[in-house]
Structure formats: structure tokens, C-alpha cells
Amino acid sequence: MIGQLRSTVIDCPDPRALAGFYAELLGLPLVEENSDGDDWVVLGGSPGRPAAARLPEGAQPAGPGLAGPGAAPAVPPRRHRRRH
């Protein structure tokens, strides 16, 4: 059986607020029957739909440039040069 992408999940401190932002931005409804209170909030739409999940207490997001407040980015920003 081939796997299917069900949701693209964004970890954040306030899933309901983030999901509300994306619901308004993308014009998608919140799907309460697939959500888990304020800890896991799912938006409607096709497979791969966005969802937001609460980070565990004290956890920091992981990824390039997300080491924490005031930390230097893990990957230097790219510089774009225009050629005339």
C-alpha cells in the first residue's frame, strides 16, 4: 500500500490562533471533529490540508534559524544579486 499525506502540521505555541489565521487566509473551515481541543486543530480541504499542533511545554521549534530567541541562524540567509 502506498502512503498518503493526510496533513501538513505546523508546531506552534497556540494552534487555535494559528489555524484561525490560516483558515481566514486560505478560506478553509476548521474541522472540529478531526481536532483535539486547542492542542491539535485541523483545517478542511483536500489531503495534505494544514493542521496546527501545540509544542510540548518548554520545547523549541527545530530547523534552520529556529534555535531560539536571539540565537544566530543555523543557516546564513541567502543573498540575491540582481544583474542588469
PDB file of N, CA and C in Angstrom:
ATOM      1  N   MET A   1       0.845  -1.178   0.000  1.00  0.00           N
ATOM      2  CA  MET A   1       0.000   0.000   0.000  1.00  0.00           C
ATOM      3  C   MET A   1       0.891   1.243   0.000  1.00  0.00           C
ATOM      4  N   ILE A   2       0.536   2.221  -0.763  1.00  0.00           N
ATOM      5  CA  ILE A   2       1.269   3.473  -0.841  1.00  0.00           C
ATOM      6  C   ILE A   2       0.705   4.438   0.188  1.00  0.00           C
ATOM      7  N   GLY A   3       1.602   5.065   0.966  1.00  0.00           N
ATOM      8  CA  GLY A   3       1.163   6.031   1.980  1.00  0.00           C
ATOM      9  C   GLY A   3       0.567   7.277   1.349  1.00  0.00           C
ATOM     10  N   GLN A   4      -0.243   7.960   2.100  1.00  0.00           N
ATOM     11  CA  GLN A   4      -0.876   9.197   1.645  1.00  0.00           C
ATOM     12  C   GLN A   4      -0.631  10.297   2.662  1.00  0.00           C
ATOM     13  N   LEU A   5      -0.386  11.493   2.161  1.00  0.00           N
ATOM     14  CA  LEU A   5      -0.208  12.658   3.016  1.00  0.00           C
ATOM     15  C   LEU A   5      -1.578  13.113   3.502  1.00  0.00           C
ATOM     16  N   ARG A   6      -1.780  13.084   4.809  1.00  0.00           N
ATOM     17  CA  ARG A   6      -3.071  13.500   5.363  1.00  0.00           C
ATOM     18  C   ARG A   6      -3.083  14.951   5.759  1.00  0.00           C
ATOM     19  N   SER A   7      -2.003  15.424   6.404  1.00  0.00           N
ATOM     20  CA  SER A   7      -1.945  16.803   6.874  1.00  0.00           C
ATOM     21  C   SER A   7      -0.510  17.302   6.853  1.00  0.00           C
ATOM     22  N   THR A   8      -0.380  18.583   6.665  1.00  0.00           N
ATOM     23  CA  THR A   8       0.886  19.275   6.847  1.00  0.00           C
ATOM     24  C   THR A   8       0.749  19.995   8.182  1.00  0.00           C
ATOM     25  N   VAL A   9       1.527  19.572   9.181  1.00  0.00           N
ATOM     26  CA  VAL A   9       1.350  20.057  10.548  1.00  0.00           C
ATOM     27  C   VAL A   9       2.415  21.086  10.906  1.00  0.00           C
ATOM     28  N   ILE A  10       1.979  22.184  11.488  1.00  0.00           N
ATOM     29  CA  ILE A  10       2.874  23.237  11.952  1.00  0.00           C
ATOM     30  C   ILE A  10       2.837  23.241  13.474  1.00  0.00           C
ATOM     31  N   ASP A  11       3.998  23.033  14.104  1.00  0.00           N
ATOM     32  CA  ASP A  11       4.102  23.108  15.567  1.00  0.00           C
ATOM     33  C   ASP A  11       4.136  24.570  15.986  1.00  0.00           C
ATOM     34  N   CYS A  12       3.410  24.911  17.026  1.00  0.00           N
ATOM     35  CA  CYS A  12       3.345  26.299  17.475  1.00  0.00           C
ATOM     36  C   CYS A  12       2.842  26.360  18.913  1.00  0.00           C
ATOM     37  N   PRO A  13       2.991  27.512  19.578  1.00  0.00           N
ATOM     38  CA  PRO A  13       2.512  27.626  20.958  1.00  0.00           C
ATOM     39  C   PRO A  13       0.996  27.752  21.075  1.00  0.00           C
ATOM     40  N   ASP A  14       0.304  28.251  20.033  1.00  0.00           N
ATOM     41  CA  ASP A  14      -1.150  28.458  20.100  1.00  0.00           C
ATOM     42  C   ASP A  14      -1.804  27.959  18.804  1.00  0.00           C
ATOM     43  N   PRO A  15      -2.081  26.639  18.715  1.00  0.00           N
ATOM     44  CA  PRO A  15      -2.621  26.065  17.488  1.00  0.00           C
ATOM     45  C   PRO A  15      -3.944  26.671  17.023  1.00  0.00           C
ATOM     46  N   ARG A  16      -4.837  26.986  17.955  1.00  0.00           N
ATOM     47  CA  ARG A  16      -6.138  27.516  17.547  1.00  0.00           C
ATOM     48  C   ARG A  16      -5.975  28.882  16.870  1.00  0.00           C
ATOM     49  N   ALA A  17      -5.105  29.725  17.403  1.00  0.00           N
ATOM     50  CA  ALA A  17      -4.879  31.040  16.803  1.00  0.00           C
ATOM     51  C   ALA A  17      -4.233  30.903  15.426  1.00  0.00           C
ATOM     52  N   LEU A  18      -3.234  30.019  15.300  1.00  0.00           N
ATOM     53  CA  LEU A  18      -2.569  29.832  14.007  1.00  0.00           C
ATOM     54  C   LEU A  18      -3.524  29.237  12.982  1.00  0.00           C
ATOM     55  N   ALA A  19      -4.314  28.242  13.401  1.00  0.00           N
ATOM     56  CA  ALA A  19      -5.292  27.637  12.494  1.00  0.00           C
ATOM     57  C   ALA A  19      -6.339  28.661  12.067  1.00  0.00           C
ATOM     58  N   GLY A  20      -6.754  29.525  12.992  1.00  0.00           N
ATOM     59  CA  GLY A  20      -7.713  30.581  12.640  1.00  0.00           C
ATOM     60  C   GLY A  20      -7.145  31.531  11.604  1.00  0.00           C
ATOM     61  N   PHE A  21      -5.860  31.867  11.743  1.00  0.00           N
ATOM     62  CA  PHE A  21      -5.203  32.734  10.764  1.00  0.00           C
ATOM     63  C   PHE A  21      -5.212  32.083   9.380  1.00  0.00           C
ATOM     64  N   TYR A  22      -4.767  30.809   9.308  1.00  0.00           N
ATOM     65  CA  TYR A  22      -4.723  30.123   8.014  1.00  0.00           C
ATOM     66  C   TYR A  22      -6.118  29.847   7.467  1.00  0.00           C
ATOM     67  N   ALA A  23      -7.089  29.601   8.334  1.00  0.00           N
ATOM     68  CA  ALA A  23      -8.463  29.397   7.869  1.00  0.00           C
ATOM     69  C   ALA A  23      -8.964  30.635   7.145  1.00  0.00           C
ATOM     70  N   GLU A  24      -8.687  31.803   7.723  1.00  0.00           N
ATOM     71  CA  GLU A  24      -9.118  33.050   7.088  1.00  0.00           C
ATOM     72  C   GLU A  24      -8.314  33.329   5.822  1.00  0.00           C
ATOM     73  N   LEU A  25      -7.005  33.113   5.887  1.00  0.00           N
ATOM     74  CA  LEU A  25      -6.133  33.377   4.743  1.00  0.00           C
ATOM     75  C   LEU A  25      -6.481  32.496   3.548  1.00  0.00           C
ATOM     76  N   LEU A  26      -6.716  31.194   3.804  1.00  0.00           N
ATOM     77  CA  LEU A  26      -6.946  30.239   2.721  1.00  0.00           C
ATOM     78  C   LEU A  26      -8.421  29.987   2.423  1.00  0.00           C
ATOM     79  N   GLY A  27      -9.310  30.539   3.261  1.00  0.00           N
ATOM     80  CA  GLY A  27     -10.743  30.324   3.053  1.00  0.00           C
ATOM     81  C   GLY A  27     -11.171  28.897   3.350  1.00  0.00           C
ATOM     82  N   LEU A  28     -10.513  28.250   4.320  1.00  0.00           N
ATOM     83  CA  LEU A  28     -10.850  26.877   4.690  1.00  0.00           C
ATOM     84  C   LEU A  28     -11.519  26.853   6.055  1.00  0.00           C
ATOM     85  N   PRO A  29     -12.491  25.948   6.256  1.00  0.00           N
ATOM     86  CA  PRO A  29     -13.135  25.847   7.571  1.00  0.00           C
ATOM     87  C   PRO A  29     -12.276  25.032   8.532  1.00  0.00           C
ATOM     88  N   LEU A  30     -12.448  25.281   9.842  1.00  0.00           N
ATOM     89  CA  LEU A  30     -11.845  24.425  10.858  1.00  0.00           C
ATOM     90  C   LEU A  30     -12.680  23.149  10.940  1.00  0.00           C
ATOM     91  N   VAL A  31     -12.029  22.002  11.016  1.00  0.00           N
ATOM     92  CA  VAL A  31     -12.732  20.720  11.099  1.00  0.00           C
ATOM     93  C   VAL A  31     -12.653  20.249  12.552  1.00  0.00           C
ATOM     94  N   GLU A  32     -13.667  20.616  13.330  1.00  0.00           N
ATOM     95  CA  GLU A  32     -13.658  20.340  14.771  1.00  0.00           C
ATOM     96  C   GLU A  32     -13.663  18.843  15.083  1.00  0.00           C
ATOM     97  N   GLU A  33     -14.330  18.010  14.272  1.00  0.00           N
ATOM     98  CA  GLU A  33     -14.381  16.578  14.577  1.00  0.00           C
ATOM     99  C   GLU A  33     -13.017  15.906  14.396  1.00  0.00           C
ATOM    100  N   ASN A  34     -12.097  16.516  13.648  1.00  0.00           N
ATOM    101  CA  ASN A  34     -10.738  15.983  13.490  1.00  0.00           C
ATOM    102  C   ASN A  34      -9.740  16.690  14.409  1.00  0.00           C
ATOM    103  N   SER A  35     -10.213  17.672  15.163  1.00  0.00           N
ATOM    104  CA  SER A  35      -9.340  18.441  16.052  1.00  0.00           C
ATOM    105  C   SER A  35      -9.386  17.855  17.459  1.00  0.00           C
ATOM    106  N   ASP A  36      -8.414  18.242  18.281  1.00  0.00           N
ATOM    107  CA  ASP A  36      -8.345  17.785  19.667  1.00  0.00           C
ATOM    108  C   ASP A  36      -8.245  19.007  20.564  1.00  0.00           C
ATOM    109  N   GLY A  37      -9.389  19.643  20.804  1.00  0.00           N
ATOM    110  CA  GLY A  37      -9.422  20.849  21.631  1.00  0.00           C
ATOM    111  C   GLY A  37      -8.554  21.942  21.052  1.00  0.00           C
ATOM    112  N   ASP A  38      -7.708  22.527  21.901  1.00  0.00           N
ATOM    113  CA  ASP A  38      -6.819  23.585  21.445  1.00  0.00           C
ATOM    114  C   ASP A  38      -5.400  23.073  21.204  1.00  0.00           C
ATOM    115  N   ASP A  39      -5.165  21.758  21.341  1.00  0.00           N
ATOM    116  CA  ASP A  39      -3.824  21.206  21.172  1.00  0.00           C
ATOM    117  C   ASP A  39      -3.540  20.731  19.754  1.00  0.00           C
ATOM    118  N   TRP A  40      -4.569  20.414  18.992  1.00  0.00           N
ATOM    119  CA  TRP A  40      -4.422  19.918  17.618  1.00  0.00           C
ATOM    120  C   TRP A  40      -5.627  20.431  16.845  1.00  0.00           C
ATOM    121  N   VAL A  41      -5.404  21.320  15.884  1.00  0.00           N
ATOM    122  CA  VAL A  41      -6.507  21.929  15.141  1.00  0.00           C
ATOM    123  C   VAL A  41      -6.282  21.684  13.656  1.00  0.00           C
ATOM    124  N   VAL A  42      -7.314  21.141  12.984  1.00  0.00           N
ATOM    125  CA  VAL A  42      -7.224  20.761  11.577  1.00  0.00           C
ATOM    126  C   VAL A  42      -8.117  21.659  10.732  1.00  0.00           C
ATOM    127  N   LEU A  43      -7.627  22.045   9.565  1.00  0.00           N
ATOM    128  CA  LEU A  43      -8.426  22.810   8.614  1.00  0.00           C
ATOM    129  C   LEU A  43      -8.987  21.860   7.570  1.00  0.00           C
ATOM    130  N   GLY A  44     -10.136  22.204   6.995  1.00  0.00           N
ATOM    131  CA  GLY A  44     -10.762  21.383   5.968  1.00  0.00           C
ATOM    132  C   GLY A  44     -10.052  21.533   4.648  1.00  0.00           C
ATOM    133  N   GLY A  45     -10.375  20.670   3.737  1.00  0.00           N
ATOM    134  CA  GLY A  45      -9.767  20.733   2.416  1.00  0.00           C
ATOM    135  C   GLY A  45      -9.326  19.362   1.958  1.00  0.00           C
ATOM    136  N   SER A  46      -8.521  19.361   0.939  1.00  0.00           N
ATOM    137  CA  SER A  46      -8.053  18.120   0.328  1.00  0.00           C
ATOM    138  C   SER A  46      -6.957  17.477   1.173  1.00  0.00           C
ATOM    139  N   PRO A  47      -6.556  16.257   0.810  1.00  0.00           N
ATOM    140  CA  PRO A  47      -5.426  15.637   1.511  1.00  0.00           C
ATOM    141  C   PRO A  47      -4.211  16.574   1.496  1.00  0.00           C
ATOM    142  N   GLY A  48      -3.464  16.553   2.585  1.00  0.00           N
ATOM    143  CA  GLY A  48      -2.344  17.468   2.730  1.00  0.00           C
ATOM    144  C   GLY A  48      -2.769  18.774   3.375  1.00  0.00           C
ATOM    145  N   ARG A  49      -4.019  18.810   3.822  1.00  0.00           N
ATOM    146  CA  ARG A  49      -4.569  20.029   4.430  1.00  0.00           C
ATOM    147  C   ARG A  49      -3.728  20.471   5.614  1.00  0.00           C
ATOM    148  N   PRO A  50      -3.718  21.755   5.918  1.00  0.00           N
ATOM    149  CA  PRO A  50      -2.921  22.231   7.054  1.00  0.00           C
ATOM    150  C   PRO A  50      -3.544  21.867   8.397  1.00  0.00           C
ATOM    151  N   ALA A  51      -2.680  21.693   9.386  1.00  0.00           N
ATOM    152  CA  ALA A  51      -3.082  21.470  10.767  1.00  0.00           C
ATOM    153  C   ALA A  51      -2.051  22.156  11.656  1.00  0.00           C
ATOM    154  N   ALA A  52      -2.437  22.480  12.874  1.00  0.00           N
ATOM    155  CA  ALA A  52      -1.530  23.109  13.828  1.00  0.00           C
ATOM    156  C   ALA A  52      -1.539  22.290  15.109  1.00  0.00           C
ATOM    157  N   ALA A  53      -0.346  22.075  15.681  1.00  0.00           N
ATOM    158  CA  ALA A  53      -0.213  21.283  16.907  1.00  0.00           C
ATOM    159  C   ALA A  53       0.574  22.065  17.940  1.00  0.00           C
ATOM    160  N   ARG A  54       0.162  21.931  19.211  1.00  0.00           N
ATOM    161  CA  ARG A  54       0.851  22.624  20.297  1.00  0.00           C
ATOM    162  C   ARG A  54       2.183  21.935  20.588  1.00  0.00           C
ATOM    163  N   LEU A  55       3.232  22.740  20.720  1.00  0.00           N
ATOM    164  CA  LEU A  55       4.536  22.238  21.144  1.00  0.00           C
ATOM    165  C   LEU A  55       4.463  21.848  22.610  1.00  0.00           C
ATOM    166  N   PRO A  56       5.144  20.789  23.011  1.00  0.00           N
ATOM    167  CA  PRO A  56       5.181  20.451  24.443  1.00  0.00           C
ATOM    168  C   PRO A  56       5.803  21.594  25.246  1.00  0.00           C
ATOM    169  N   GLU A  57       5.414  21.725  26.489  1.00  0.00           N
ATOM    170  CA  GLU A  57       5.905  22.798  27.364  1.00  0.00           C
ATOM    171  C   GLU A  57       7.426  22.837  27.369  1.00  0.00           C
ATOM    172  N   GLY A  58       7.991  24.001  27.097  1.00  0.00           N
ATOM    173  CA  GLY A  58       9.433  24.194  27.124  1.00  0.00           C
ATOM    174  C   GLY A  58      10.157  23.787  25.854  1.00  0.00           C
ATOM    175  N   ALA A  59       9.461  23.182  24.906  1.00  0.00           N
ATOM    176  CA  ALA A  59      10.105  22.758  23.656  1.00  0.00           C
ATOM    177  C   ALA A  59      10.322  23.954  22.740  1.00  0.00           C
ATOM    178  N   GLN A  60      11.361  23.882  21.946  1.00  0.00           N
ATOM    179  CA  GLN A  60      11.651  24.912  20.956  1.00  0.00           C
ATOM    180  C   GLN A  60      11.484  24.304  19.574  1.00  0.00           C
ATOM    181  N   PRO A  61      10.956  25.076  18.616  1.00  0.00           N
ATOM    182  CA  PRO A  61      10.871  24.570  17.249  1.00  0.00           C
ATOM    183  C   PRO A  61      12.266  24.212  16.749  1.00  0.00           C
ATOM    184  N   ALA A  62      12.371  23.182  15.923  1.00  0.00           N
ATOM    185  CA  ALA A  62      13.655  22.779  15.366  1.00  0.00           C
ATOM    186  C   ALA A  62      13.687  23.098  13.881  1.00  0.00           C
ATOM    187  N   GLY A  63      14.853  23.446  13.407  1.00  0.00           N
ATOM    188  CA  GLY A  63      15.011  23.721  11.981  1.00  0.00           C
ATOM    189  C   GLY A  63      15.972  24.865  11.787  1.00  0.00           C
ATOM    190  N   PRO A  64      16.366  25.107  10.557  1.00  0.00           N
ATOM    191  CA  PRO A  64      17.320  26.180  10.280  1.00  0.00           C
ATOM    192  C   PRO A  64      16.816  27.524  10.787  1.00  0.00           C
ATOM    193  N   GLY A  65      17.631  28.192  11.567  1.00  0.00           N
ATOM    194  CA  GLY A  65      17.291  29.525  12.037  1.00  0.00           C
ATOM    195  C   GLY A  65      16.296  29.559  13.178  1.00  0.00           C
ATOM    196  N   LEU A  66      15.965  28.411  13.773  1.00  0.00           N
ATOM    197  CA  LEU A  66      14.961  28.374  14.833  1.00  0.00           C
ATOM    198  C   LEU A  66      15.560  27.932  16.165  1.00  0.00           C
ATOM    199  N   ALA A  67      16.799  28.304  16.429  1.00  0.00           N
ATOM    200  CA  ALA A  67      17.486  27.866  17.638  1.00  0.00           C
ATOM    201  C   ALA A  67      16.948  28.534  18.893  1.00  0.00           C
ATOM    202  N   GLY A  68      16.221  29.604  18.775  1.00  0.00           N
ATOM    203  CA  GLY A  68      15.656  30.269  19.934  1.00  0.00           C
ATOM    204  C   GLY A  68      15.802  31.775  19.824  1.00  0.00           C
ATOM    205  N   PRO A  69      15.163  32.506  20.745  1.00  0.00           N
ATOM    206  CA  PRO A  69      15.211  33.964  20.689  1.00  0.00           C
ATOM    207  C   PRO A  69      16.641  34.486  20.782  1.00  0.00           C
ATOM    208  N   GLY A  70      17.013  35.358  19.871  1.00  0.00           N
ATOM    209  CA  GLY A  70      18.315  35.995  19.890  1.00  0.00           C
ATOM    210  C   GLY A  70      19.448  35.127  19.374  1.00  0.00           C
ATOM    211  N   ALA A  71      19.179  33.882  18.995  1.00  0.00           N
ATOM    212  CA  ALA A  71      20.234  32.997  18.514  1.00  0.00           C
ATOM    213  C   ALA A  71      20.537  33.293  17.049  1.00  0.00           C
ATOM    214  N   ALA A  72      21.765  33.062  16.678  1.00  0.00           N
ATOM    215  CA  ALA A  72      22.147  33.256  15.279  1.00  0.00           C
ATOM    216  C   ALA A  72      21.493  32.178  14.430  1.00  0.00           C
ATOM    217  N   PRO A  73      21.102  32.507  13.204  1.00  0.00           N
ATOM    218  CA  PRO A  73      20.501  31.493  12.332  1.00  0.00           C
ATOM    219  C   PRO A  73      21.465  30.335  12.094  1.00  0.00           C
ATOM    220  N   ALA A  74      20.944  29.122  12.036  1.00  0.00           N
ATOM    221  CA  ALA A  74      21.769  27.951  11.783  1.00  0.00           C
ATOM    222  C   ALA A  74      22.290  27.954  10.348  1.00  0.00           C
ATOM    223  N   VAL A  75      21.534  28.520   9.442  1.00  0.00           N
ATOM    224  CA  VAL A  75      21.934  28.624   8.039  1.00  0.00           C
ATOM    225  C   VAL A  75      21.931  30.101   7.684  1.00  0.00           C
ATOM    226  N   PRO A  76      23.070  30.626   7.187  1.00  0.00           N
ATOM    227  CA  PRO A  76      23.077  32.055   6.863  1.00  0.00           C
ATOM    228  C   PRO A  76      22.068  32.375   5.773  1.00  0.00           C
ATOM    229  N   PRO A  77      21.448  33.554   5.830  1.00  0.00           N
ATOM    230  CA  PRO A  77      20.472  33.909   4.806  1.00  0.00           C
ATOM    231  C   PRO A  77      21.141  34.025   3.443  1.00  0.00           C
ATOM    232  N   ARG A  78      20.391  33.685   2.411  1.00  0.00           N
ATOM    233  CA  ARG A  78      20.908  33.798   1.051  1.00  0.00           C
ATOM    234  C   ARG A  78      20.868  35.250   0.610  1.00  0.00           C
ATOM    235  N   ARG A  79      21.855  35.611  -0.133  1.00  0.00           N
ATOM    236  CA  ARG A  79      21.900  36.969  -0.689  1.00  0.00           C
ATOM    237  C   ARG A  79      21.602  36.870  -2.176  1.00  0.00           C
ATOM    238  N   HIS A  80      20.660  37.665  -2.620  1.00  0.00           N
ATOM    239  CA  HIS A  80      20.282  37.680  -4.025  1.00  0.00           C
ATOM    240  C   HIS A  80      20.896  38.881  -4.701  1.00  0.00           C
ATOM    241  N   ARG A  81      21.529  38.644  -5.822  1.00  0.00           N
ATOM    242  CA  ARG A  81      22.130  39.732  -6.569  1.00  0.00           C
ATOM    243  C   ARG A  81      21.369  39.904  -7.876  1.00  0.00           C
ATOM    244  N   ARG A  82      21.115  41.139  -8.191  1.00  0.00           N
ATOM    245  CA  ARG A  82      20.444  41.446  -9.454  1.00  0.00           C
ATOM    246  C   ARG A  82      21.488  41.762 -10.501  1.00  0.00           C
ATOM    247  N   ARG A  83      21.318  41.196 -11.646  1.00  0.00           N
ATOM    248  CA  ARG A  83      22.210  41.510 -12.766  1.00  0.00           C
ATOM    249  C   ARG A  83      21.446  42.404 -13.729  1.00  0.00           C
ATOM    250  N   HIS A  84      22.117  43.431 -14.151  1.00  0.00           N
ATOM    251  CA  HIS A  84      21.495  44.375 -15.087  1.00  0.00           C
ATOM    252  C   HIS A  84      21.984  44.148 -16.475  1.00  0.00           C
TER     253      HIS A  84
END
